[in-house]
């Protein structure tokens, strides 16, 4: 877990993602406090504080002698809104002034959260793509992209200085068509604050993207962090 951020808030964020991404469905009972303690390796008090946060947000509701449930109508249905601009489209709109400034490619192993998101086994090898975006001397966005390891994927950072989705399509024959996003304001972890050149107590905009191809053979999870004074996000409602 990230240092500097209370455990209960970090757990609340993961639980929030479970609701917003549909892993915990509306009206469904969530794991018991004891089970959540086992999952997150924290005390029952910490779990209760995390649940309290989501109860305040009207995502969860407690029912006496029954447990805690996902509140109905807690998440907008997909046909209620559209995120019209893909990550790639938005980057390209900045033109030559908005560029990839730095890329790192790492091989690591999936923890419980990433294993769930990428549909792989805990401990299975995955690739982490770290990209720093900006213009001139400004660092505007820091992206962490995770996907299942395959020897067919390049480990050369140079290959990822352009559009990641263009690379997938041209070099791997993968077209990403299914995606969902969660957008929230958070306090950045130390790694993010360092690359964006901001103080650790400065809020940033976080976009969590869950994407896959038509067959769901390829899955990607990306965390995008932006400095709030340099980035705008446009949403068109139907």
Protein backbone atom coordinates (compact mmCIF):
# COMPACT_ATOMS: atom_id res chain seq x y z
CA UNK A 1 0.00 0.00 0.00
CA UNK A 2 1.06 3.59 -0.64
CA UNK A 3 2.89 5.32 2.19
CA UNK A 4 1.45 8.55 3.56
CA UNK A 5 -2.17 7.66 2.82
CA UNK A 6 -4.20 6.02 5.62
CA UNK A 7 -4.82 2.32 5.00
CA UNK A 8 -8.58 2.68 5.31
CA UNK A 9 -8.64 5.24 2.47
CA UNK A 10 -6.54 3.00 0.23
CA UNK A 11 -8.83 0.06 0.96
CA UNK A 12 -11.90 2.25 0.38
CA UNK A 13 -10.49 3.12 -3.05
CA UNK A 14 -10.10 -0.54 -4.01
CA UNK A 15 -13.58 -1.33 -2.73
CA UNK A 16 -14.95 1.66 -4.64
CA UNK A 17 -13.39 0.30 -7.83
CA UNK A 18 -15.05 -3.07 -7.18
CA UNK A 19 -18.42 -1.32 -7.17
CA UNK A 20 -17.80 1.03 -10.07
CA UNK A 21 -16.36 -1.68 -12.31
CA UNK A 22 -19.22 -4.09 -11.57
CA UNK A 23 -17.23 -6.73 -9.71
CA UNK A 24 -19.58 -6.09 -6.80
CA UNK A 25 -23.03 -5.77 -8.36
CA UNK A 26 -25.89 -3.58 -7.20
CA UNK A 27 -27.92 -5.24 -4.46
CA UNK A 28 -25.21 -7.84 -3.91
CA UNK A 29 -23.77 -8.58 -0.48
CA UNK A 30 -20.08 -7.79 -0.21
CA UNK A 31 -17.59 -10.01 1.67
CA UNK A 32 -17.92 -9.98 5.44
CA UNK A 33 -15.69 -7.79 7.59
CA UNK A 34 -13.73 -10.89 8.60
CA UNK A 35 -13.22 -11.88 4.95
CA UNK A 36 -12.13 -8.34 4.06
CA UNK A 37 -9.63 -8.42 6.93
CA UNK A 38 -8.16 -11.58 5.38
CA UNK A 39 -8.10 -10.06 1.88
CA UNK A 40 -6.43 -6.77 2.85
CA UNK A 41 -4.43 -8.02 5.86
CA UNK A 42 -5.64 -5.24 8.16
CA UNK A 43 -7.65 -4.96 11.36
CA UNK A 44 -11.43 -5.01 11.59
CA UNK A 45 -11.39 -1.36 12.71
CA UNK A 46 -9.63 -0.38 9.48
CA UNK A 47 -12.16 -2.31 7.39
CA UNK A 48 -15.05 -0.66 9.20
CA UNK A 49 -13.61 2.80 8.55
CA UNK A 50 -13.23 1.94 4.85
CA UNK A 51 -16.84 0.74 4.68
CA UNK A 52 -17.97 3.89 6.50
CA UNK A 53 -16.43 5.99 3.71
CA UNK A 54 -18.42 4.17 1.04
CA UNK A 55 -21.61 4.31 3.10
CA UNK A 56 -21.18 8.09 3.24
CA UNK A 57 -20.82 8.09 -0.56
CA UNK A 58 -24.05 6.08 -0.93
CA UNK A 59 -22.20 3.22 -2.60
CA UNK A 60 -22.79 0.73 0.22
CA UNK A 61 -25.49 0.23 2.82
CA UNK A 62 -25.52 -1.80 6.02
CA UNK A 63 -28.49 -4.00 6.88
CA UNK A 64 -28.84 -5.16 10.48
CA UNK A 65 -28.16 -8.88 10.96
CA UNK A 66 -27.66 -9.32 7.20
CA UNK A 67 -24.42 -7.59 6.29
CA UNK A 68 -23.27 -4.85 3.93
CA UNK A 69 -24.68 -4.54 0.41
CA UNK A 70 -23.95 -2.54 -2.72
CA UNK A 71 -26.60 0.14 -2.81
CA UNK A 72 -28.93 0.02 -5.80
CA UNK A 73 -28.51 2.78 -8.38
CA UNK A 74 -25.12 3.56 -6.86
CA UNK A 75 -23.44 3.62 -10.26
CA UNK A 76 -24.72 5.15 -13.48
CA UNK A 77 -25.50 2.62 -16.18
CA UNK A 78 -23.25 2.66 -19.24
CA UNK A 79 -25.99 4.14 -21.44
CA UNK A 80 -26.31 7.16 -19.19
CA UNK A 81 -22.95 8.67 -20.06
CA UNK A 82 -20.13 8.49 -22.57
CA UNK A 83 -16.46 9.28 -22.17
CA UNK A 84 -15.98 10.43 -25.72
CA UNK A 85 -12.25 10.97 -25.99
CA UNK A 86 -9.80 8.11 -25.66
CA UNK A 87 -6.50 8.60 -23.90
CA UNK A 88 -4.70 8.50 -27.24
CA UNK A 89 -7.06 11.04 -28.85
CA UNK A 90 -6.61 13.49 -26.01
CA UNK A 91 -2.83 13.25 -26.13
CA UNK A 92 -2.77 13.81 -29.88
CA UNK A 93 -4.92 16.94 -29.50
CA UNK A 94 -2.05 18.61 -27.64
CA UNK A 95 0.02 18.29 -30.80
CA UNK A 96 3.81 18.52 -30.84
CA UNK A 97 3.86 20.51 -27.59
CA UNK A 98 2.60 17.51 -25.60
CA UNK A 99 5.11 14.69 -25.79
CA UNK A 100 6.26 11.51 -24.11
CA UNK A 101 9.27 12.63 -22.10
CA UNK A 102 10.32 9.38 -20.49
CA UNK A 103 9.44 5.66 -20.71
CA UNK A 104 10.38 2.74 -18.50
CA UNK A 105 9.41 -0.89 -19.17
CA UNK A 106 9.52 -3.35 -16.29
CA UNK A 107 8.63 -6.98 -15.69
CA UNK A 108 7.03 -7.69 -12.33
CA UNK A 109 4.53 -10.08 -10.75
CA UNK A 110 0.82 -9.50 -10.25
CA UNK A 111 -0.47 -8.84 -6.75
CA UNK A 112 -4.07 -9.61 -5.80
CA UNK A 113 -5.45 -6.35 -7.20
CA UNK A 114 -3.66 -6.56 -10.55
CA UNK A 115 -4.39 -10.27 -10.87
CA UNK A 116 -8.09 -9.47 -10.57
CA UNK A 117 -7.94 -6.59 -13.05
CA UNK A 118 -5.90 -8.49 -15.66
CA UNK A 119 -7.53 -11.89 -15.12
CA UNK A 120 -4.23 -13.61 -14.32
CA UNK A 121 -2.93 -15.64 -11.38
CA UNK A 122 -1.38 -13.95 -8.36
CA UNK A 123 2.38 -13.98 -8.91
CA UNK A 124 2.10 -14.31 -12.69
CA UNK A 125 4.49 -12.20 -14.74
CA UNK A 126 3.13 -8.90 -16.06
CA UNK A 127 4.59 -5.89 -17.84
CA UNK A 128 4.52 -2.42 -16.32
CA UNK A 129 4.81 0.49 -18.73
CA UNK A 130 5.67 3.80 -17.03
CA UNK A 131 5.32 6.95 -19.13
CA UNK A 132 5.87 10.60 -18.28
CA UNK A 133 4.03 13.14 -20.46
CA UNK A 134 4.53 16.88 -20.63
CA UNK A 135 5.38 19.96 -22.61
CA UNK A 136 8.69 21.83 -22.45
CA UNK A 137 9.74 21.91 -18.80
CA UNK A 138 6.31 20.96 -17.45
CA UNK A 139 5.41 17.42 -16.43
CA UNK A 140 1.66 17.05 -16.90
CA UNK A 141 0.81 13.35 -16.78
CA UNK A 142 2.30 10.17 -15.34
CA UNK A 143 0.88 6.85 -16.60
CA UNK A 144 1.28 3.35 -15.19
CA UNK A 145 0.03 0.69 -17.62
CA UNK A 146 -0.18 -2.99 -16.65
CA UNK A 147 -0.76 -5.97 -18.97
CA UNK A 148 0.01 -9.69 -19.07
CA UNK A 149 3.56 -10.62 -20.01
CA UNK A 150 4.22 -12.16 -23.40
CA UNK A 151 7.52 -12.59 -25.20
CA UNK A 152 5.91 -10.95 -28.23
CA UNK A 153 5.74 -7.59 -26.44
CA UNK A 154 8.74 -5.33 -26.82
CA UNK A 155 10.75 -4.45 -23.73
CA UNK A 156 12.47 -1.58 -25.54
CA UNK A 157 11.22 1.76 -24.12
CA UNK A 158 11.73 3.39 -27.53
CA UNK A 159 8.81 1.39 -28.96
CA UNK A 160 6.39 3.03 -26.51
CA UNK A 161 7.14 6.70 -27.09
CA UNK A 162 4.22 6.87 -29.51
CA UNK A 163 0.62 5.79 -28.99
CA UNK A 164 0.37 2.56 -26.98
CA UNK A 165 -2.84 1.55 -28.76
CA UNK A 166 -1.24 2.15 -32.16
CA UNK A 167 1.63 -0.11 -31.13
CA UNK A 168 -0.85 -2.80 -30.04
CA UNK A 169 -2.73 -2.62 -33.33
CA UNK A 170 0.23 -2.44 -35.72
CA UNK A 171 2.73 -4.68 -33.95
CA UNK A 172 0.48 -7.11 -32.06
CA UNK A 173 -2.75 -7.12 -34.07
CA UNK A 174 -4.71 -6.12 -30.95
CA UNK A 175 -7.55 -3.61 -31.17
CA UNK A 176 -8.81 -2.32 -27.85
CA UNK A 177 -12.57 -1.77 -28.07
CA UNK A 178 -13.96 -2.28 -24.57
CA UNK A 179 -13.04 0.15 -21.85
CA UNK A 180 -14.33 1.70 -18.66
CA UNK A 181 -12.88 4.47 -16.57
CA UNK A 182 -13.05 5.75 -13.03
CA UNK A 183 -12.12 9.39 -12.43
CA UNK A 184 -11.31 10.79 -9.00
CA UNK A 185 -9.24 13.40 -7.19
CA UNK A 186 -6.66 11.85 -4.84
CA UNK A 187 -3.54 12.61 -2.86
CA UNK A 188 -0.63 11.25 -4.94
CA UNK A 189 1.76 8.53 -3.84
CA UNK A 190 5.42 9.51 -3.61
CA UNK A 191 6.37 8.12 -7.05
CA UNK A 192 3.67 10.20 -8.76
CA UNK A 193 4.50 13.39 -6.85
CA UNK A 194 8.18 13.00 -7.74
CA UNK A 195 7.60 12.64 -11.49
CA UNK A 196 5.01 15.42 -11.66
CA UNK A 197 7.28 17.67 -9.58
CA UNK A 198 4.62 18.50 -7.04
CA UNK A 199 4.39 18.31 -3.27
CA UNK A 200 3.02 15.07 -1.86
CA UNK A 201 0.07 16.97 -0.37
CA UNK A 202 -1.03 18.41 -3.73
CA UNK A 203 -4.19 16.70 -5.11
CA UNK A 204 -4.04 15.18 -8.60
CA UNK A 205 -6.64 13.85 -11.02
CA UNK A 206 -6.51 10.06 -11.32
CA UNK A 207 -8.06 8.14 -14.22
CA UNK A 208 -8.20 4.37 -13.82
CA UNK A 209 -8.81 2.66 -17.16
CA UNK A 210 -9.88 -0.96 -17.62
CA UNK A 211 -9.60 -2.03 -21.26
CA UNK A 212 -9.68 -5.20 -23.35
CA UNK A 213 -9.97 -6.44 -26.91
CA UNK A 214 -13.11 -7.99 -28.41
CA UNK A 215 -12.26 -11.49 -27.16
CA UNK A 216 -10.97 -10.34 -23.75
CA UNK A 217 -7.75 -12.25 -24.44
CA UNK A 218 -5.86 -8.99 -23.89
CA UNK A 219 -6.59 -6.89 -20.83
CA UNK A 220 -4.99 -3.66 -19.76
CA UNK A 221 -5.20 -1.62 -16.59
CA UNK A 222 -3.83 1.92 -16.60
CA UNK A 223 -3.57 4.52 -13.87
CA UNK A 224 -3.23 8.05 -15.26
CA UNK A 225 -2.23 10.86 -12.92
CA UNK A 226 -2.52 14.50 -13.98
CA UNK A 227 -1.65 17.83 -12.42
CA UNK A 228 -4.99 19.55 -11.91
CA UNK A 229 -3.86 22.98 -13.07
CA UNK A 230 -2.67 21.72 -16.46
CA UNK A 231 -5.26 19.16 -17.56
CA UNK A 232 -8.94 19.28 -18.47
CA UNK A 233 -11.20 16.30 -19.11
CA UNK A 234 -14.26 16.59 -21.35
CA UNK A 235 -17.37 14.45 -20.99
CA UNK A 236 -20.40 14.56 -23.30
CA UNK A 237 -23.70 13.34 -21.83
CA UNK A 238 -26.36 11.72 -24.01
